[in-house]
C-alpha atoms as a PDB file:
ATOM      1  CA  MET A   1     -10.905  12.464  -2.039  1.00  0.00           C
ATOM      2  CA  SER A   2     -13.557  14.431  -0.247  1.00  0.00           C
ATOM      3  CA  ASP A   3     -15.805  17.213  -1.424  1.00  0.00           C
ATOM      4  CA  PHE A   4     -13.470  19.920  -0.098  1.00  0.00           C
ATOM      5  CA  ARG A   5     -12.082  20.825  -3.514  1.00  0.00           C
ATOM      6  CA  VAL A   6     -12.800  24.187  -5.071  1.00  0.00           C
ATOM      7  CA  LEU A   7     -13.505  23.388  -8.702  1.00  0.00           C
ATOM      8  CA  PRO A   8     -11.932  25.430 -11.484  1.00  0.00           C
ATOM      9  CA  ARG A   9     -13.872  27.913 -13.538  1.00  0.00           C
ATOM     10  CA  ILE A  10     -14.364  26.486 -17.024  1.00  0.00           C
ATOM     11  CA  ASP A  11     -14.046  28.846 -19.980  1.00  0.00           C
ATOM     12  CA  GLU A  12     -13.456  28.462 -23.704  1.00  0.00           C
ATOM     13  CA  ASP A  13      -9.662  28.460 -23.248  1.00  0.00           C
ATOM     14  CA  ASN A  14      -9.475  25.661 -20.671  1.00  0.00           C
ATOM     15  CA  GLU A  15     -12.635  23.586 -21.159  1.00  0.00           C
ATOM     16  CA  PHE A  16     -10.772  20.848 -23.078  1.00  0.00           C
ATOM     17  CA  PHE A  17      -8.333  20.393 -20.174  1.00  0.00           C
ATOM     18  CA  TRP A  18     -10.964  20.070 -17.453  1.00  0.00           C
ATOM     19  CA  THR A  19     -13.391  17.883 -19.428  1.00  0.00           C
ATOM     20  CA  SER A  20     -11.139  15.516 -21.421  1.00  0.00           C
ATOM     21  CA  GLY A  21     -10.999  13.146 -18.453  1.00  0.00           C
ATOM     22  CA  ARG A  22     -14.528  12.116 -19.380  1.00  0.00           C
ATOM     23  CA  GLU A  23     -12.835  10.037 -22.108  1.00  0.00           C
ATOM     24  CA  GLY A  24      -9.961   9.073 -19.817  1.00  0.00           C
ATOM     25  CA  VAL A  25      -7.502  11.237 -21.760  1.00  0.00           C
ATOM     26  CA  LEU A  26      -5.208  13.981 -20.496  1.00  0.00           C
ATOM     27  CA  ARG A  27      -4.826  16.842 -22.966  1.00  0.00           C
ATOM     28  CA  PHE A  28      -2.593  19.896 -22.963  1.00  0.00           C
ATOM     29  CA  LEU A  29      -2.753  22.764 -25.390  1.00  0.00           C
ATOM     30  CA  GLY A  30      -0.099  22.208 -28.034  1.00  0.00           C
ATOM     31  CA  CYS A  31       1.325  24.058 -30.995  1.00  0.00           C
ATOM     32  CA  ASP A  32       0.138  22.623 -34.302  1.00  0.00           C
ATOM     33  CA  GLN A  33       3.321  23.898 -35.984  1.00  0.00           C
ATOM     34  CA  CYS A  34       6.131  22.706 -33.712  1.00  0.00           C
ATOM     35  CA  GLY A  35       4.331  20.375 -31.257  1.00  0.00           C
ATOM     36  CA  TYR A  36       5.350  22.322 -28.133  1.00  0.00           C
ATOM     37  CA  LEU A  37       2.991  21.798 -25.192  1.00  0.00           C
ATOM     38  CA  ILE A  38       1.649  24.991 -23.621  1.00  0.00           C
ATOM     39  CA  HIS A  39       0.453  24.842 -20.022  1.00  0.00           C
ATOM     40  CA  PRO A  40      -1.321  26.762 -18.714  1.00  0.00           C
ATOM     41  CA  PRO A  41      -3.096  27.364 -22.034  1.00  0.00           C
ATOM     42  CA  ALA A  42      -2.094  30.471 -23.982  1.00  0.00           C
ATOM     43  CA  PRO A  43      -3.123  31.665 -27.466  1.00  0.00           C
ATOM     44  CA  VAL A  44       0.438  31.779 -28.840  1.00  0.00           C
ATOM     45  CA  CYS A  45       3.219  29.192 -28.840  1.00  0.00           C
ATOM     46  CA  PRO A  46       6.125  30.577 -26.768  1.00  0.00           C
ATOM     47  CA  ARG A  47       8.633  28.603 -28.853  1.00  0.00           C
ATOM     48  CA  CYS A  48       7.727  29.419 -32.476  1.00  0.00           C
ATOM     49  CA  TRP A  49       5.106  32.173 -31.956  1.00  0.00           C
ATOM     50  CA  SER A  50       2.474  30.334 -33.975  1.00  0.00           C
ATOM     51  CA  ARG A  51      -1.172  31.056 -33.185  1.00  0.00           C
ATOM     52  CA  GLU A  52      -2.161  27.626 -34.475  1.00  0.00           C
ATOM     53  CA  VAL A  53      -2.718  25.834 -31.174  1.00  0.00           C
ATOM     54  CA  SER A  54      -5.141  23.077 -30.204  1.00  0.00           C
ATOM     55  CA  PRO A  55      -5.634  20.386 -27.548  1.00  0.00           C
ATOM     56  CA  HIS A  56      -3.119  17.532 -27.866  1.00  0.00           C
ATOM     57  CA  PRO A  57      -3.614  14.196 -26.089  1.00  0.00           C
ATOM     58  CA  VAL A  58      -0.679  12.943 -24.028  1.00  0.00           C
ATOM     59  CA  SER A  59       0.101   9.545 -22.528  1.00  0.00           C
ATOM     60  CA  GLY A  60      -0.919  10.447 -18.974  1.00  0.00           C
ATOM     61  CA  ARG A  61       2.485   9.325 -17.680  1.00  0.00           C
ATOM     62  CA  ALA A  62       4.519  11.740 -15.582  1.00  0.00           C
ATOM     63  CA  THR A  63       7.416  12.046 -13.159  1.00  0.00           C
ATOM     64  CA  LEU A  64       7.059  13.629  -9.739  1.00  0.00           C
ATOM     65  CA  TYR A  65       9.105  16.838  -9.803  1.00  0.00           C
ATOM     66  CA  SER A  66       8.302  18.162  -6.321  1.00  0.00           C
ATOM     67  CA  PHE A  67       5.772  17.635  -3.548  1.00  0.00           C
ATOM     68  CA  THR A  68       4.584  18.589  -0.116  1.00  0.00           C
ATOM     69  CA  VAL A  69       2.439  16.719   2.366  1.00  0.00           C
ATOM     70  CA  ASN A  70      -0.420  18.716   3.835  1.00  0.00           C
ATOM     71  CA  HIS A  71      -1.202  17.899   7.469  1.00  0.00           C
ATOM     72  CA  GLN A  72      -3.504  20.862   8.167  1.00  0.00           C
ATOM     73  CA  ASN A  73      -7.288  20.857   8.096  1.00  0.00           C
ATOM     74  CA  TRP A  74      -7.627  23.856   5.764  1.00  0.00           C
ATOM     75  CA  ALA A  75     -11.089  22.990   4.490  1.00  0.00           C
ATOM     76  CA  PRO A  76     -14.041  21.113   5.938  1.00  0.00           C
ATOM     77  CA  GLY A  77     -14.059  17.570   4.583  1.00  0.00           C
ATOM     78  CA  ALA A  78     -10.368  17.469   3.663  1.00  0.00           C
ATOM     79  CA  GLU A  79      -8.735  14.171   4.558  1.00  0.00           C
ATOM     80  CA  GLU A  80      -5.270  14.679   6.023  1.00  0.00           C
ATOM     81  CA  PRO A  81      -2.576  14.064   5.302  1.00  0.00           C
ATOM     82  CA  TYR A  82      -2.616  14.422   1.525  1.00  0.00           C
ATOM     83  CA  VAL A  83       0.077  14.959  -1.083  1.00  0.00           C
ATOM     84  CA  ILE A  84       0.209  18.011  -3.307  1.00  0.00           C
ATOM     85  CA  GLY A  85       2.581  17.282  -6.157  1.00  0.00           C
ATOM     86  CA  MET A  86       4.078  18.993  -9.144  1.00  0.00           C
ATOM     87  CA  VAL A  87       4.390  16.546 -12.027  1.00  0.00           C
ATOM     88  CA  VAL A  88       6.182  16.661 -15.374  1.00  0.00           C
ATOM     89  CA  PRO A  89       4.538  14.817 -18.276  1.00  0.00           C
ATOM     90  CA  VAL A  90       6.917  12.418 -20.040  1.00  0.00           C
ATOM     91  CA  GLU A  91       6.259  14.206 -23.342  1.00  0.00           C
ATOM     92  CA  GLN A  92       7.932  17.491 -22.328  1.00  0.00           C
ATOM     93  CA  ASP A  93      10.238  18.200 -19.418  1.00  0.00           C
ATOM     94  CA  ASP A  94       9.425  21.895 -19.013  1.00  0.00           C
ATOM     95  CA  VAL A  95       5.680  21.480 -18.406  1.00  0.00           C
ATOM     96  CA  ARG A  96       4.556  21.455 -14.774  1.00  0.00           C
ATOM     97  CA  LEU A  97       1.145  20.452 -13.469  1.00  0.00           C
ATOM     98  CA  THR A  98       0.150  20.889  -9.835  1.00  0.00           C
ATOM     99  CA  THR A  99      -2.102  18.062  -8.689  1.00  0.00           C
ATOM    100  CA  ASN A 100      -2.607  15.503  -5.957  1.00  0.00           C
ATOM    101  CA  VAL A 101      -0.670  12.262  -5.695  1.00  0.00           C
ATOM    102  CA  ILE A 102      -3.006   9.482  -4.585  1.00  0.00           C
ATOM    103  CA  GLY A 103      -2.906   5.738  -4.038  1.00  0.00           C
ATOM    104  CA  ILE A 104       0.231   5.836  -1.887  1.00  0.00           C
ATOM    105  CA  GLU A 105       1.013   6.631   1.725  1.00  0.00           C
ATOM    106  CA  PRO A 106       2.529  10.127   2.007  1.00  0.00           C
ATOM    107  CA  GLU A 107       5.725   8.812   3.620  1.00  0.00           C
ATOM    108  CA  ALA A 108       6.343   6.561   0.584  1.00  0.00           C
ATOM    109  CA  VAL A 109       6.199   9.408  -1.971  1.00  0.00           C
ATOM    110  CA  SER A 110       9.542  10.361  -3.532  1.00  0.00           C
ATOM    111  CA  ILE A 111      10.777  12.828  -6.107  1.00  0.00           C
ATOM    112  CA  GLY A 112      11.377  11.150  -9.456  1.00  0.00           C
ATOM    113  CA  MET A 113       8.731   8.458  -9.010  1.00  0.00           C
ATOM    114  CA  GLU A 114       6.795   7.435 -12.102  1.00  0.00           C
ATOM    115  CA  LEU A 115       3.112   8.317 -12.069  1.00  0.00           C
ATOM    116  CA  GLU A 116       0.019   7.897 -14.216  1.00  0.00           C
ATOM    117  CA  VAL A 117      -3.099  10.002 -14.476  1.00  0.00           C
ATOM    118  CA  VAL A 118      -6.483   9.057 -13.085  1.00  0.00           C
ATOM    119  CA  PHE A 119      -9.483  11.341 -13.129  1.00  0.00           C
ATOM    120  CA  GLU A 120     -11.785  12.374 -10.304  1.00  0.00           C
ATOM    121  CA  ASP A 121     -15.264  12.823 -11.760  1.00  0.00           C
ATOM    122  CA  ARG A 122     -16.796  16.109 -10.641  1.00  0.00           C
ATOM    123  CA  ASP A 123     -18.936  16.423 -13.769  1.00  0.00           C
ATOM    124  CA  PRO A 124     -18.532  18.593 -15.746  1.00  0.00           C
ATOM    125  CA  VAL A 125     -14.973  18.824 -14.367  1.00  0.00           C
ATOM    126  CA  PHE A 126     -12.699  15.763 -14.394  1.00  0.00           C
ATOM    127  CA  LEU A 127      -9.743  16.502 -12.142  1.00  0.00           C
ATOM    128  CA  PRO A 128      -6.434  14.954 -13.254  1.00  0.00           C
ATOM    129  CA  LEU A 129      -4.831  13.250 -10.245  1.00  0.00           C
ATOM    130  CA  PHE A 130      -1.749  11.039 -10.325  1.00  0.00           C
ATOM    131  CA  ARG A 131      -0.908   7.692  -8.731  1.00  0.00           C
ATOM    132  CA  PRO A 132       2.158   5.461  -8.889  1.00  0.00           C
ATOM    133  CA  VAL A 133       2.328   3.528 -12.152  1.00  0.00           C
ATOM    134  CA  GLY A 134       0.545   0.207 -11.854  1.00  0.00           C
ATOM    135  CA  GLU A 135      -1.411   1.020  -8.660  1.00  0.00           C
ATOM    136  CA  ARG A 136      -5.142   0.375  -8.717  1.00  0.00           C
END
């Protein structure tokens, strides 16, 4: 990808999410009591109301829930077309993460396809992107 991305603002609540790619690991905030994943991060578990939450590593595998293909040159340096996808991690079917789907031609992308995380190094931010499982 090009340098067109606007990088997220890192703060104490989301730093783990944006920097864990340095180790090649995707992490979501999770409840230490019931294991429920909380994304975007929040200080209280919406399932059991516990305040005991911390970053939890996940497998990095996901299913494509929805997507769109961008054909517009919205930002200088953007390479069109590109796929904006909403993925669901295999660990919990009610978590959604908006990202880019890479490593595949846009016309070959399909809802339900199995994906795996890869990270784009924008130190200190490591952006979680997804590609079809097994693509290199």
